Amino acid sequence: MDKSILEIMIENLTNERLDEIVFQNEEYREAEGKTDQALESLRKVFDKEQSRAFEEYMTAENHRVAVYIELSYRQGMKDLMDFLISLL
């Protein structure tokens, strides 16, 4: 299936540009640090089975969030294009 120009733009922007912006954001880096600390605390108290179950949950949750972010970004791009077209 051929991708539309919008889909190609979104894919490139979300895979490259957005990551660059996010990783330079201080608030994001602080939140990531707190997440890492919490994860390390959990790893200290979880046994192997609990750790495996938690990792499976986190993988599924991270995927859900990634899909949500992509859909949000895609909708924002569509809204912007609709707005720009309406100005013409």
PDB file of N, CA and C in Angstrom:
ATOM      1  N   MET A   1       0.834  -1.169   0.000  1.00  0.00           N
ATOM      2  CA  MET A   1       0.000   0.000   0.000  1.00  0.00           C
ATOM      3  C   MET A   1       0.890   1.247   0.000  1.00  0.00           C
ATOM      4  N   ASP A   2       0.586   2.165  -0.869  1.00  0.00           N
ATOM      5  CA  ASP A   2       1.348   3.406  -0.935  1.00  0.00           C
ATOM      6  C   ASP A   2       0.963   4.322   0.224  1.00  0.00           C
ATOM      7  N   LYS A   3       1.970   4.971   0.785  1.00  0.00           N
ATOM      8  CA  LYS A   3       1.721   5.905   1.871  1.00  0.00           C
ATOM      9  C   LYS A   3       1.444   7.279   1.286  1.00  0.00           C
ATOM     10  N   SER A   4       0.554   8.021   1.946  1.00  0.00           N
ATOM     11  CA  SER A   4       0.292   9.388   1.531  1.00  0.00           C
ATOM     12  C   SER A   4       1.460  10.269   1.967  1.00  0.00           C
ATOM     13  N   ILE A   5       1.527  11.438   1.385  1.00  0.00           N
ATOM     14  CA  ILE A   5       2.582  12.388   1.756  1.00  0.00           C
ATOM     15  C   ILE A   5       2.470  12.726   3.237  1.00  0.00           C
ATOM     16  N   LEU A   6       1.234  12.894   3.723  1.00  0.00           N
ATOM     17  CA  LEU A   6       1.032  13.200   5.140  1.00  0.00           C
ATOM     18  C   LEU A   6       1.572  12.080   6.023  1.00  0.00           C
ATOM     19  N   GLU A   7       1.309  10.832   5.666  1.00  0.00           N
ATOM     20  CA  GLU A   7       1.799   9.706   6.458  1.00  0.00           C
ATOM     21  C   GLU A   7       3.322   9.656   6.474  1.00  0.00           C
ATOM     22  N   ILE A   8       3.944   9.929   5.343  1.00  0.00           N
ATOM     23  CA  ILE A   8       5.409   9.937   5.270  1.00  0.00           C
ATOM     24  C   ILE A   8       5.976  11.056   6.137  1.00  0.00           C
ATOM     25  N   MET A   9       5.351  12.241   6.063  1.00  0.00           N
ATOM     26  CA  MET A   9       5.800  13.369   6.880  1.00  0.00           C
ATOM     27  C   MET A   9       5.673  13.044   8.364  1.00  0.00           C
ATOM     28  N   ILE A  10       4.533  12.504   8.755  1.00  0.00           N
ATOM     29  CA  ILE A  10       4.297  12.192  10.164  1.00  0.00           C
ATOM     30  C   ILE A  10       5.296  11.158  10.657  1.00  0.00           C
ATOM     31  N   GLU A  11       5.521  10.135   9.861  1.00  0.00           N
ATOM     32  CA  GLU A  11       6.468   9.087  10.242  1.00  0.00           C
ATOM     33  C   GLU A  11       7.859   9.668  10.462  1.00  0.00           C
ATOM     34  N   ASN A  12       8.303  10.499   9.541  1.00  0.00           N
ATOM     35  CA  ASN A  12       9.635  11.098   9.676  1.00  0.00           C
ATOM     36  C   ASN A  12       9.708  12.059  10.856  1.00  0.00           C
ATOM     37  N   LEU A  13       8.676  12.862  11.032  1.00  0.00           N
ATOM     38  CA  LEU A  13       8.690  13.832  12.116  1.00  0.00           C
ATOM     39  C   LEU A  13       8.625  13.156  13.478  1.00  0.00           C
ATOM     40  N   THR A  14       7.786  12.133  13.618  1.00  0.00           N
ATOM     41  CA  THR A  14       7.673  11.479  14.919  1.00  0.00           C
ATOM     42  C   THR A  14       8.894  10.636  15.228  1.00  0.00           C
ATOM     43  N   ASN A  15       9.512  10.051  14.229  1.00  0.00           N
ATOM     44  CA  ASN A  15      10.660   9.179  14.479  1.00  0.00           C
ATOM     45  C   ASN A  15      11.949   9.944  14.696  1.00  0.00           C
ATOM     46  N   GLU A  16      12.060  11.114  14.169  1.00  0.00           N
ATOM     47  CA  GLU A  16      13.323  11.845  14.259  1.00  0.00           C
ATOM     48  C   GLU A  16      13.180  13.157  15.021  1.00  0.00           C
ATOM     49  N   ARG A  17      12.374  14.035  14.515  1.00  0.00           N
ATOM     50  CA  ARG A  17      12.294  15.382  15.059  1.00  0.00           C
ATOM     51  C   ARG A  17      11.714  15.414  16.468  1.00  0.00           C
ATOM     52  N   LEU A  18      10.633  14.678  16.684  1.00  0.00           N
ATOM     53  CA  LEU A  18       9.999  14.687  17.992  1.00  0.00           C
ATOM     54  C   LEU A  18      10.929  14.123  19.059  1.00  0.00           C
ATOM     55  N   ASP A  19      11.620  13.031  18.753  1.00  0.00           N
ATOM     56  CA  ASP A  19      12.575  12.471  19.708  1.00  0.00           C
ATOM     57  C   ASP A  19      13.649  13.489  20.082  1.00  0.00           C
ATOM     58  N   GLU A  20      14.144  14.200  19.091  1.00  0.00           N
ATOM     59  CA  GLU A  20      15.178  15.202  19.336  1.00  0.00           C
ATOM     60  C   GLU A  20      14.661  16.290  20.273  1.00  0.00           C
ATOM     61  N   ILE A  21      13.442  16.736  20.044  1.00  0.00           N
ATOM     62  CA  ILE A  21      12.847  17.789  20.870  1.00  0.00           C
ATOM     63  C   ILE A  21      12.607  17.294  22.288  1.00  0.00           C
ATOM     64  N   VAL A  22      12.035  16.105  22.406  1.00  0.00           N
ATOM     65  CA  VAL A  22      11.686  15.555  23.719  1.00  0.00           C
ATOM     66  C   VAL A  22      12.928  15.356  24.569  1.00  0.00           C
ATOM     67  N   PHE A  23      13.966  14.776  24.009  1.00  0.00           N
ATOM     68  CA  PHE A  23      15.150  14.456  24.795  1.00  0.00           C
ATOM     69  C   PHE A  23      15.934  15.701  25.208  1.00  0.00           C
ATOM     70  N   GLN A  24      15.659  16.840  24.599  1.00  0.00           N
ATOM     71  CA  GLN A  24      16.304  18.086  24.998  1.00  0.00           C
ATOM     72  C   GLN A  24      15.468  18.856  26.020  1.00  0.00           C
ATOM     73  N   ASN A  25      14.265  18.369  26.319  1.00  0.00           N
ATOM     74  CA  ASN A  25      13.359  19.057  27.226  1.00  0.00           C
ATOM     75  C   ASN A  25      13.674  18.672  28.676  1.00  0.00           C
ATOM     76  N   GLU A  26      13.933  19.683  29.503  1.00  0.00           N
ATOM     77  CA  GLU A  26      14.328  19.438  30.885  1.00  0.00           C
ATOM     78  C   GLU A  26      13.219  18.746  31.681  1.00  0.00           C
ATOM     79  N   GLU A  27      11.983  19.167  31.498  1.00  0.00           N
ATOM     80  CA  GLU A  27      10.871  18.554  32.228  1.00  0.00           C
ATOM     81  C   GLU A  27      10.752  17.063  31.885  1.00  0.00           C
ATOM     82  N   TYR A  28      10.942  16.736  30.611  1.00  0.00           N
ATOM     83  CA  TYR A  28      10.893  15.331  30.196  1.00  0.00           C
ATOM     84  C   TYR A  28      12.024  14.541  30.841  1.00  0.00           C
ATOM     85  N   ARG A  29      13.231  15.099  30.813  1.00  0.00           N
ATOM     86  CA  ARG A  29      14.380  14.398  31.393  1.00  0.00           C
ATOM     87  C   ARG A  29      14.188  14.167  32.895  1.00  0.00           C
ATOM     88  N   GLU A  30      13.619  15.146  33.593  1.00  0.00           N
ATOM     89  CA  GLU A  30      13.346  14.981  35.023  1.00  0.00           C
ATOM     90  C   GLU A  30      12.310  13.878  35.252  1.00  0.00           C
ATOM     91  N   ALA A  31      11.260  13.869  34.452  1.00  0.00           N
ATOM     92  CA  ALA A  31      10.227  12.837  34.576  1.00  0.00           C
ATOM     93  C   ALA A  31      10.810  11.464  34.280  1.00  0.00           C
ATOM     94  N   GLU A  32      11.682  11.396  33.296  1.00  0.00           N
ATOM     95  CA  GLU A  32      12.325  10.129  32.952  1.00  0.00           C
ATOM     96  C   GLU A  32      13.211   9.651  34.108  1.00  0.00           C
ATOM     97  N   GLY A  33      13.909  10.573  34.743  1.00  0.00           N
ATOM     98  CA  GLY A  33      14.751  10.223  35.882  1.00  0.00           C
ATOM     99  C   GLY A  33      13.928   9.661  37.039  1.00  0.00           C
ATOM    100  N   LYS A  34      12.781  10.277  37.314  1.00  0.00           N
ATOM    101  CA  LYS A  34      11.900   9.782  38.379  1.00  0.00           C
ATOM    102  C   LYS A  34      11.357   8.405  38.022  1.00  0.00           C
ATOM    103  N   THR A  35      11.030   8.207  36.761  1.00  0.00           N
ATOM    104  CA  THR A  35      10.551   6.897  36.314  1.00  0.00           C
ATOM    105  C   THR A  35      11.636   5.848  36.510  1.00  0.00           C
ATOM    106  N   ASP A  36      12.857   6.175  36.129  1.00  0.00           N
ATOM    107  CA  ASP A  36      13.972   5.237  36.288  1.00  0.00           C
ATOM    108  C   ASP A  36      14.198   4.881  37.762  1.00  0.00           C
ATOM    109  N   GLN A  37      14.100   5.872  38.640  1.00  0.00           N
ATOM    110  CA  GLN A  37      14.275   5.625  40.070  1.00  0.00           C
ATOM    111  C   GLN A  37      13.177   4.706  40.603  1.00  0.00           C
ATOM    112  N   ALA A  38      11.937   4.956  40.200  1.00  0.00           N
ATOM    113  CA  ALA A  38      10.818   4.126  40.646  1.00  0.00           C
ATOM    114  C   ALA A  38      10.970   2.694  40.144  1.00  0.00           C
ATOM    115  N   LEU A  39      11.410   2.556  38.892  1.00  0.00           N
ATOM    116  CA  LEU A  39      11.614   1.222  38.328  1.00  0.00           C
ATOM    117  C   LEU A  39      12.702   0.481  39.091  1.00  0.00           C
ATOM    118  N   GLU A  40      13.767   1.154  39.435  1.00  0.00           N
ATOM    119  CA  GLU A  40      14.851   0.522  40.190  1.00  0.00           C
ATOM    120  C   GLU A  40      14.358   0.078  41.573  1.00  0.00           C
ATOM    121  N   SER A  41      13.526   0.878  42.201  1.00  0.00           N
ATOM    122  CA  SER A  41      12.949   0.507  43.496  1.00  0.00           C
ATOM    123  C   SER A  41      12.092  -0.748  43.374  1.00  0.00           C
ATOM    124  N   LEU A  42      11.302  -0.825  42.312  1.00  0.00           N
ATOM    125  CA  LEU A  42      10.467  -2.009  42.099  1.00  0.00           C
ATOM    126  C   LEU A  42      11.314  -3.251  41.851  1.00  0.00           C
ATOM    127  N   ARG A  43      12.361  -3.097  41.088  1.00  0.00           N
ATOM    128  CA  ARG A  43      13.225  -4.246  40.790  1.00  0.00           C
ATOM    129  C   ARG A  43      13.855  -4.826  42.058  1.00  0.00           C
ATOM    130  N   LYS A  44      14.073  -3.995  43.045  1.00  0.00           N
ATOM    131  CA  LYS A  44      14.671  -4.460  44.297  1.00  0.00           C
ATOM    132  C   LYS A  44      13.705  -5.305  45.118  1.00  0.00           C
ATOM    133  N   VAL A  45      12.396  -5.057  44.960  1.00  0.00           N
ATOM    134  CA  VAL A  45      11.429  -5.782  45.794  1.00  0.00           C
ATOM    135  C   VAL A  45      10.696  -6.896  45.048  1.00  0.00           C
ATOM    136  N   PHE A  46      10.749  -6.901  43.728  1.00  0.00           N
ATOM    137  CA  PHE A  46      10.070  -7.932  42.950  1.00  0.00           C
ATOM    138  C   PHE A  46      10.902  -9.210  42.880  1.00  0.00           C
ATOM    139  N   ASP A  47      10.211 -10.354  42.950  1.00  0.00           N
ATOM    140  CA  ASP A  47      10.898 -11.601  42.653  1.00  0.00           C
ATOM    141  C   ASP A  47      10.879 -11.790  41.131  1.00  0.00           C
ATOM    142  N   LYS A  48      11.436 -12.901  40.634  1.00  0.00           N
ATOM    143  CA  LYS A  48      11.543 -13.107  39.188  1.00  0.00           C
ATOM    144  C   LYS A  48      10.186 -13.107  38.490  1.00  0.00           C
ATOM    145  N   GLU A  49       9.225 -13.789  39.059  1.00  0.00           N
ATOM    146  CA  GLU A  49       7.903 -13.882  38.432  1.00  0.00           C
ATOM    147  C   GLU A  49       7.202 -12.523  38.412  1.00  0.00           C
ATOM    148  N   GLN A  50       7.287 -11.807  39.503  1.00  0.00           N
ATOM    149  CA  GLN A  50       6.691 -10.475  39.561  1.00  0.00           C
ATOM    150  C   GLN A  50       7.374  -9.529  38.577  1.00  0.00           C
ATOM    151  N   SER A  51       8.685  -9.645  38.507  1.00  0.00           N
ATOM    152  CA  SER A  51       9.444  -8.801  37.595  1.00  0.00           C
ATOM    153  C   SER A  51       9.058  -9.066  36.140  1.00  0.00           C
ATOM    154  N   ARG A  52       8.914 -10.348  35.796  1.00  0.00           N
ATOM    155  CA  ARG A  52       8.529 -10.717  34.434  1.00  0.00           C
ATOM    156  C   ARG A  52       7.134 -10.193  34.107  1.00  0.00           C
ATOM    157  N   ALA A  53       6.192 -10.358  35.037  1.00  0.00           N
ATOM    158  CA  ALA A  53       4.824  -9.881  34.827  1.00  0.00           C
ATOM    159  C   ALA A  53       4.798  -8.361  34.674  1.00  0.00           C
ATOM    160  N   PHE A  54       5.594  -7.689  35.502  1.00  0.00           N
ATOM    161  CA  PHE A  54       5.643  -6.230  35.421  1.00  0.00           C
ATOM    162  C   PHE A  54       6.247  -5.773  34.098  1.00  0.00           C
ATOM    163  N   GLU A  55       7.303  -6.420  33.649  1.00  0.00           N
ATOM    164  CA  GLU A  55       7.926  -6.063  32.368  1.00  0.00           C
ATOM    165  C   GLU A  55       6.948  -6.266  31.211  1.00  0.00           C
ATOM    166  N   GLU A  56       6.155  -7.352  31.272  1.00  0.00           N
ATOM    167  CA  GLU A  56       5.143  -7.576  30.241  1.00  0.00           C
ATOM    168  C   GLU A  56       4.102  -6.457  30.248  1.00  0.00           C
ATOM    169  N   TYR A  57       3.691  -6.066  31.452  1.00  0.00           N
ATOM    170  CA  TYR A  57       2.738  -4.959  31.571  1.00  0.00           C
ATOM    171  C   TYR A  57       3.331  -3.675  31.004  1.00  0.00           C
ATOM    172  N   MET A  58       4.572  -3.366  31.381  1.00  0.00           N
ATOM    173  CA  MET A  58       5.204  -2.125  30.916  1.00  0.00           C
ATOM    174  C   MET A  58       5.378  -2.121  29.398  1.00  0.00           C
ATOM    175  N   THR A  59       5.702  -3.255  28.821  1.00  0.00           N
ATOM    176  CA  THR A  59       5.827  -3.339  27.370  1.00  0.00           C
ATOM    177  C   THR A  59       4.491  -3.026  26.709  1.00  0.00           C
ATOM    178  N   ALA A  60       3.426  -3.630  27.223  1.00  0.00           N
ATOM    179  CA  ALA A  60       2.093  -3.386  26.666  1.00  0.00           C
ATOM    180  C   ALA A  60       1.674  -1.930  26.871  1.00  0.00           C
ATOM    181  N   GLU A  61       1.943  -1.385  28.046  1.00  0.00           N
ATOM    182  CA  GLU A  61       1.571   0.003  28.338  1.00  0.00           C
ATOM    183  C   GLU A  61       2.366   0.977  27.478  1.00  0.00           C
ATOM    184  N   ASN A  62       3.650   0.732  27.314  1.00  0.00           N
ATOM    185  CA  ASN A  62       4.470   1.601  26.468  1.00  0.00           C
ATOM    186  C   ASN A  62       3.983   1.583  25.025  1.00  0.00           C
ATOM    187  N   HIS A  63       3.580   0.422  24.557  1.00  0.00           N
ATOM    188  CA  HIS A  63       3.039   0.328  23.194  1.00  0.00           C
ATOM    189  C   HIS A  63       1.740   1.125  23.079  1.00  0.00           C
ATOM    190  N   ARG A  64       0.864   0.997  24.080  1.00  0.00           N
ATOM    191  CA  ARG A  64      -0.393   1.740  24.070  1.00  0.00           C
ATOM    192  C   ARG A  64      -0.136   3.243  24.022  1.00  0.00           C
ATOM    193  N   VAL A  65       0.783   3.709  24.844  1.00  0.00           N
ATOM    194  CA  VAL A  65       1.102   5.131  24.882  1.00  0.00           C
ATOM    195  C   VAL A  65       1.703   5.584  23.541  1.00  0.00           C
ATOM    196  N   ALA A  66       2.563   4.761  22.952  1.00  0.00           N
ATOM    197  CA  ALA A  66       3.168   5.106  21.658  1.00  0.00           C
ATOM    198  C   ALA A  66       2.101   5.232  20.578  1.00  0.00           C
ATOM    199  N   VAL A  67       1.120   4.326  20.578  1.00  0.00           N
ATOM    200  CA  VAL A  67       0.025   4.398  19.599  1.00  0.00           C
ATOM    201  C   VAL A  67      -0.783   5.669  19.831  1.00  0.00           C
ATOM    202  N   TYR A  68      -1.074   5.980  21.081  1.00  0.00           N
ATOM    203  CA  TYR A  68      -1.832   7.186  21.417  1.00  0.00           C
ATOM    204  C   TYR A  68      -1.103   8.441  20.943  1.00  0.00           C
ATOM    205  N   ILE A  69       0.196   8.488  21.200  1.00  0.00           N
ATOM    206  CA  ILE A  69       0.981   9.651  20.794  1.00  0.00           C
ATOM    207  C   ILE A  69       0.988   9.794  19.275  1.00  0.00           C
ATOM    208  N   GLU A  70       1.168   8.689  18.566  1.00  0.00           N
ATOM    209  CA  GLU A  70       1.171   8.747  17.105  1.00  0.00           C
ATOM    210  C   GLU A  70      -0.181   9.223  16.586  1.00  0.00           C
ATOM    211  N   LEU A  71      -1.266   8.702  17.147  1.00  0.00           N
ATOM    212  CA  LEU A  71      -2.594   9.131  16.714  1.00  0.00           C
ATOM    213  C   LEU A  71      -2.821  10.611  17.010  1.00  0.00           C
ATOM    214  N   SER A  72      -2.360  11.072  18.168  1.00  0.00           N
ATOM    215  CA  SER A  72      -2.495  12.481  18.537  1.00  0.00           C
ATOM    216  C   SER A  72      -1.714  13.375  17.577  1.00  0.00           C
ATOM    217  N   TYR A  73      -0.495  12.968  17.299  1.00  0.00           N
ATOM    218  CA  TYR A  73       0.351  13.742  16.395  1.00  0.00           C
ATOM    219  C   TYR A  73      -0.256  13.781  14.994  1.00  0.00           C
ATOM    220  N   ARG A  74      -0.717  12.620  14.541  1.00  0.00           N
ATOM    221  CA  ARG A  74      -1.342  12.519  13.218  1.00  0.00           C
ATOM    222  C   ARG A  74      -2.567  13.435  13.140  1.00  0.00           C
ATOM    223  N   GLN A  75      -3.408  13.413  14.182  1.00  0.00           N
ATOM    224  CA  GLN A  75      -4.601  14.258  14.166  1.00  0.00           C
ATOM    225  C   GLN A  75      -4.224  15.730  14.186  1.00  0.00           C
ATOM    226  N   GLY A  76      -3.196  16.073  14.956  1.00  0.00           N
ATOM    227  CA  GLY A  76      -2.731  17.457  14.979  1.00  0.00           C
ATOM    228  C   GLY A  76      -2.245  17.922  13.612  1.00  0.00           C
ATOM    229  N   MET A  77      -1.525  17.062  12.917  1.00  0.00           N
ATOM    230  CA  MET A  77      -1.059  17.398  11.572  1.00  0.00           C
ATOM    231  C   MET A  77      -2.240  17.560  10.616  1.00  0.00           C
ATOM    232  N   LYS A  78      -3.227  16.684  10.713  1.00  0.00           N
ATOM    233  CA  LYS A  78      -4.414  16.793   9.857  1.00  0.00           C
ATOM    234  C   LYS A  78      -5.165  18.085  10.152  1.00  0.00           C
ATOM    235  N   ASP A  79      -5.310  18.401  11.434  1.00  0.00           N
ATOM    236  CA  ASP A  79      -5.990  19.636  11.808  1.00  0.00           C
ATOM    237  C   ASP A  79      -5.244  20.853  11.274  1.00  0.00           C
ATOM    238  N   LEU A  80      -3.924  20.834  11.359  1.00  0.00           N
ATOM    239  CA  LEU A  80      -3.123  21.933  10.840  1.00  0.00           C
ATOM    240  C   LEU A  80      -3.290  22.063   9.331  1.00  0.00           C
ATOM    241  N   MET A  81      -3.261  20.938   8.628  1.00  0.00           N
ATOM    242  CA  MET A  81      -3.433  20.985   7.171  1.00  0.00           C
ATOM    243  C   MET A  81      -4.824  21.504   6.813  1.00  0.00           C
ATOM    244  N   ASP A  82      -5.851  21.049   7.518  1.00  0.00           N
ATOM    245  CA  ASP A  82      -7.206  21.540   7.273  1.00  0.00           C
ATOM    246  C   ASP A  82      -7.277  23.052   7.515  1.00  0.00           C
ATOM    247  N   PHE A  83      -6.626  23.513   8.561  1.00  0.00           N
ATOM    248  CA  PHE A  83      -6.608  24.944   8.868  1.00  0.00           C
ATOM    249  C   PHE A  83      -5.917  25.732   7.751  1.00  0.00           C
ATOM    250  N   LEU A  84      -4.754  25.253   7.317  1.00  0.00           N
ATOM    251  CA  LEU A  84      -4.013  25.941   6.265  1.00  0.00           C
ATOM    252  C   LEU A  84      -4.812  25.958   4.953  1.00  0.00           C
ATOM    253  N   ILE A  85      -5.470  24.860   4.645  1.00  0.00           N
ATOM    254  CA  ILE A  85      -6.288  24.800   3.423  1.00  0.00           C
ATOM    255  C   ILE A  85      -7.449  25.778   3.534  1.00  0.00           C
ATOM    256  N   SER A  86      -8.030  25.898   4.737  1.00  0.00           N
ATOM    257  CA  SER A  86      -9.158  26.820   4.892  1.00  0.00           C
ATOM    258  C   SER A  86      -8.734  28.267   4.723  1.00  0.00           C
ATOM    259  N   LEU A  87      -7.453  28.571   4.939  1.00  0.00           N
ATOM    260  CA  LEU A  87      -6.966  29.946   4.749  1.00  0.00           C
ATOM    261  C   LEU A  87      -6.824  30.300   3.277  1.00  0.00           C
ATOM    262  N   LEU A  88      -6.704  29.273   2.437  1.00  0.00           N
ATOM    263  CA  LEU A  88      -6.577  29.526   1.004  1.00  0.00           C
ATOM    264  C   LEU A  88      -7.904  29.889   0.466  1.00  0.00           C
TER     265      LEU A  88
END
